N, C-alpha and C. Protein backbone atom coordinates (compact mmCIF):
# COMPACT_ATOMS: atom_id res chain seq x y z
N MET A 1 102.92 120.87 91.04
CA MET A 1 103.71 120.58 92.22
C MET A 1 104.41 119.24 92.01
N GLN A 2 105.71 119.20 92.22
CA GLN A 2 106.50 118.00 92.01
C GLN A 2 106.68 117.25 93.32
N THR A 3 106.61 115.93 93.24
CA THR A 3 106.85 115.11 94.43
C THR A 3 108.13 114.33 94.25
N LEU A 4 108.73 113.96 95.35
CA LEU A 4 109.96 113.21 95.36
C LEU A 4 109.69 111.87 96.04
N ASN A 5 109.99 110.78 95.34
CA ASN A 5 109.78 109.44 95.88
C ASN A 5 111.06 108.97 96.55
N VAL A 6 111.01 108.76 97.87
CA VAL A 6 112.17 108.28 98.63
C VAL A 6 111.73 107.15 99.56
N LYS A 7 112.71 106.50 100.13
CA LYS A 7 112.43 105.48 101.14
C LYS A 7 112.26 106.17 102.49
N LEU A 8 111.42 105.61 103.32
CA LEU A 8 111.15 106.19 104.63
C LEU A 8 112.44 106.38 105.43
N GLN A 9 113.36 105.47 105.29
CA GLN A 9 114.64 105.54 106.00
C GLN A 9 115.43 106.79 105.62
N ASP A 10 115.22 107.32 104.41
CA ASP A 10 115.99 108.46 103.93
C ASP A 10 115.41 109.82 104.34
N LEU A 11 114.23 109.83 104.97
CA LEU A 11 113.66 111.09 105.43
C LEU A 11 114.48 111.65 106.59
N ALA A 12 114.50 112.96 106.69
CA ALA A 12 115.16 113.61 107.82
C ALA A 12 114.19 113.62 109.01
N GLU A 13 114.74 113.76 110.21
CA GLU A 13 113.88 113.87 111.39
C GLU A 13 112.96 115.06 111.24
N GLY A 14 111.68 114.86 111.54
CA GLY A 14 110.69 115.92 111.44
C GLY A 14 110.05 116.03 110.07
N ALA A 15 110.59 115.34 109.06
CA ALA A 15 110.03 115.41 107.71
C ALA A 15 108.83 114.48 107.58
N SER A 16 107.93 114.84 106.67
CA SER A 16 106.72 114.05 106.44
C SER A 16 106.61 113.65 104.98
N GLY A 17 105.81 112.63 104.76
CA GLY A 17 105.53 112.19 103.40
C GLY A 17 104.30 111.31 103.39
N LYS A 18 103.80 111.03 102.20
CA LYS A 18 102.65 110.14 102.06
C LYS A 18 103.15 108.81 101.53
N ILE A 19 102.61 107.73 102.10
CA ILE A 19 103.02 106.39 101.68
C ILE A 19 102.66 106.20 100.21
N ARG A 20 103.65 105.81 99.42
CA ARG A 20 103.41 105.49 98.01
C ARG A 20 103.13 104.00 97.88
N PHE A 21 104.02 103.16 98.39
CA PHE A 21 103.80 101.72 98.43
C PHE A 21 104.73 101.10 99.46
N ILE A 22 104.40 99.88 99.85
CA ILE A 22 105.20 99.13 100.81
C ILE A 22 105.71 97.88 100.12
N ALA A 23 107.02 97.73 100.11
CA ALA A 23 107.65 96.56 99.51
C ALA A 23 107.96 95.56 100.63
N GLY A 24 108.86 94.65 100.37
CA GLY A 24 109.26 93.69 101.40
C GLY A 24 108.45 92.42 101.32
N PRO A 25 108.70 91.51 102.24
CA PRO A 25 108.01 90.22 102.22
C PRO A 25 106.52 90.38 102.54
N PRO A 26 105.72 89.42 102.11
CA PRO A 26 104.27 89.50 102.34
C PRO A 26 103.88 89.66 103.80
N TRP A 27 104.59 89.01 104.72
CA TRP A 27 104.22 89.13 106.14
C TRP A 27 104.39 90.57 106.62
N PHE A 28 105.42 91.27 106.12
CA PHE A 28 105.66 92.65 106.54
C PHE A 28 104.58 93.57 105.99
N ARG A 29 104.26 93.43 104.71
CA ARG A 29 103.20 94.26 104.11
C ARG A 29 101.87 94.04 104.83
N GLN A 30 101.54 92.79 105.13
CA GLN A 30 100.29 92.48 105.82
C GLN A 30 100.25 93.14 107.19
N ARG A 31 101.36 93.07 107.92
CA ARG A 31 101.41 93.66 109.26
C ARG A 31 101.25 95.18 109.21
N MET A 32 101.90 95.82 108.25
CA MET A 32 101.78 97.28 108.11
C MET A 32 100.34 97.67 107.77
N TYR A 33 99.71 96.91 106.89
CA TYR A 33 98.32 97.18 106.52
C TYR A 33 97.40 97.02 107.73
N GLU A 34 97.65 96.00 108.55
CA GLU A 34 96.84 95.77 109.75
C GLU A 34 96.97 96.93 110.74
N LEU A 35 98.15 97.55 110.78
CA LEU A 35 98.38 98.68 111.69
C LEU A 35 97.83 99.99 111.13
N GLY A 36 97.41 99.99 109.87
CA GLY A 36 96.85 101.20 109.27
C GLY A 36 97.83 101.97 108.41
N LEU A 37 99.00 101.44 108.19
CA LEU A 37 100.01 102.08 107.36
C LEU A 37 99.74 101.67 105.91
N LEU A 38 98.91 102.44 105.25
CA LEU A 38 98.43 102.13 103.90
C LEU A 38 98.88 103.20 102.91
N PRO A 39 98.91 102.88 101.62
CA PRO A 39 99.22 103.92 100.62
C PRO A 39 98.27 105.11 100.78
N GLY A 40 98.84 106.31 100.73
CA GLY A 40 98.06 107.54 100.89
C GLY A 40 98.07 108.11 102.28
N VAL A 41 98.48 107.32 103.28
CA VAL A 41 98.52 107.79 104.67
C VAL A 41 99.76 108.65 104.86
N GLN A 42 99.59 109.78 105.55
CA GLN A 42 100.73 110.66 105.83
C GLN A 42 101.49 110.14 107.04
N VAL A 43 102.80 110.13 106.92
CA VAL A 43 103.67 109.63 107.98
C VAL A 43 104.77 110.66 108.25
N LYS A 44 105.17 110.76 109.52
CA LYS A 44 106.21 111.71 109.92
C LYS A 44 107.31 110.95 110.64
N LEU A 45 108.57 111.19 110.27
CA LEU A 45 109.69 110.58 110.96
C LEU A 45 109.96 111.41 112.22
N VAL A 46 109.70 110.83 113.38
CA VAL A 46 109.81 111.55 114.64
C VAL A 46 111.22 111.51 115.20
N LYS A 47 111.82 110.34 115.23
CA LYS A 47 113.12 110.17 115.90
C LYS A 47 113.90 109.06 115.22
N ARG A 48 115.19 109.26 115.14
CA ARG A 48 116.10 108.26 114.61
C ARG A 48 117.10 107.94 115.72
N ALA A 49 117.12 106.69 116.17
CA ALA A 49 118.04 106.29 117.24
C ALA A 49 119.47 106.23 116.69
N PRO A 50 120.44 106.48 117.54
CA PRO A 50 121.84 106.43 117.07
C PRO A 50 122.31 105.01 116.81
N LEU A 51 123.41 104.92 116.08
CA LEU A 51 124.10 103.65 115.82
C LEU A 51 123.22 102.62 115.10
N GLY A 52 122.40 103.08 114.18
CA GLY A 52 121.58 102.16 113.39
C GLY A 52 120.42 101.55 114.14
N GLY A 53 119.97 102.22 115.18
CA GLY A 53 118.85 101.73 115.97
C GLY A 53 117.52 102.01 115.28
N PRO A 54 116.43 101.79 115.98
CA PRO A 54 115.10 101.94 115.38
C PRO A 54 114.77 103.37 114.96
N ILE A 55 113.84 103.45 114.05
CA ILE A 55 113.32 104.72 113.55
C ILE A 55 111.88 104.81 114.03
N VAL A 56 111.53 105.91 114.68
CA VAL A 56 110.17 106.10 115.20
C VAL A 56 109.39 106.97 114.22
N VAL A 57 108.24 106.46 113.77
CA VAL A 57 107.38 107.21 112.86
C VAL A 57 106.02 107.41 113.51
N GLU A 58 105.36 108.48 113.09
CA GLU A 58 104.03 108.81 113.61
C GLU A 58 103.07 108.88 112.43
N PHE A 59 101.93 108.21 112.56
CA PHE A 59 100.90 108.26 111.53
C PHE A 59 99.56 108.03 112.20
N LEU A 60 98.52 108.65 111.61
CA LEU A 60 97.18 108.63 112.19
C LEU A 60 97.30 109.08 113.65
N THR A 61 97.00 108.22 114.60
CA THR A 61 97.09 108.62 116.02
C THR A 61 98.08 107.76 116.78
N GLN A 62 99.03 107.16 116.07
CA GLN A 62 99.95 106.24 116.74
C GLN A 62 101.39 106.44 116.32
N ARG A 63 102.27 105.88 117.11
CA ARG A 63 103.70 105.88 116.80
C ARG A 63 104.15 104.43 116.67
N LEU A 64 105.15 104.23 115.80
CA LEU A 64 105.63 102.89 115.51
C LEU A 64 107.14 102.94 115.37
N ALA A 65 107.84 101.99 115.98
CA ALA A 65 109.30 101.88 115.83
C ALA A 65 109.59 100.81 114.78
N LEU A 66 110.41 101.18 113.82
CA LEU A 66 110.80 100.27 112.74
C LEU A 66 112.30 100.15 112.70
N SER A 67 112.78 98.98 112.32
CA SER A 67 114.22 98.84 112.10
C SER A 67 114.57 99.57 110.80
N PRO A 68 115.82 99.96 110.62
CA PRO A 68 116.21 100.61 109.37
C PRO A 68 115.90 99.75 108.14
N LYS A 69 116.04 98.43 108.28
CA LYS A 69 115.73 97.52 107.16
C LYS A 69 114.24 97.61 106.80
N GLU A 70 113.38 97.62 107.82
CA GLU A 70 111.94 97.73 107.57
C GLU A 70 111.59 99.09 106.97
N ALA A 71 112.21 100.15 107.47
CA ALA A 71 111.95 101.49 106.95
C ALA A 71 112.41 101.60 105.49
N ASN A 72 113.36 100.79 105.11
CA ASN A 72 113.85 100.78 103.74
C ASN A 72 112.82 100.20 102.78
N TRP A 73 111.89 99.40 103.26
CA TRP A 73 110.85 98.77 102.45
C TRP A 73 109.65 99.70 102.21
N ILE A 74 109.59 100.82 102.92
CA ILE A 74 108.43 101.73 102.80
C ILE A 74 108.83 102.93 101.96
N HIS A 75 108.12 103.13 100.86
CA HIS A 75 108.41 104.24 99.94
C HIS A 75 107.38 105.34 100.14
N VAL A 76 107.85 106.58 100.23
CA VAL A 76 106.97 107.73 100.47
C VAL A 76 107.18 108.81 99.43
N ASP A 77 106.16 109.64 99.23
CA ASP A 77 106.25 110.82 98.38
C ASP A 77 106.42 112.03 99.28
N VAL A 78 107.52 112.75 99.09
CA VAL A 78 107.78 113.97 99.85
C VAL A 78 107.44 115.13 98.94
N VAL A 79 106.63 116.06 99.43
CA VAL A 79 106.24 117.21 98.58
C VAL A 79 107.18 118.35 98.82
């Protein structure tokens, strides 16, 4: 089975993937880890706001809104 490595921002609405790694500044990585967004966790892109607004993702039992820039720092494997 082949996987495709993409940035979270590039997922379509309703698509899911597993976190491969989180890039970006140390404060951002630390905050994501504190929220439970760790490598191996499955994440689903729920909603994309218009005009470059926030991206809503769902993982574990919570939802999180990320800016497109932040979503660009999160890399996922899409199966």
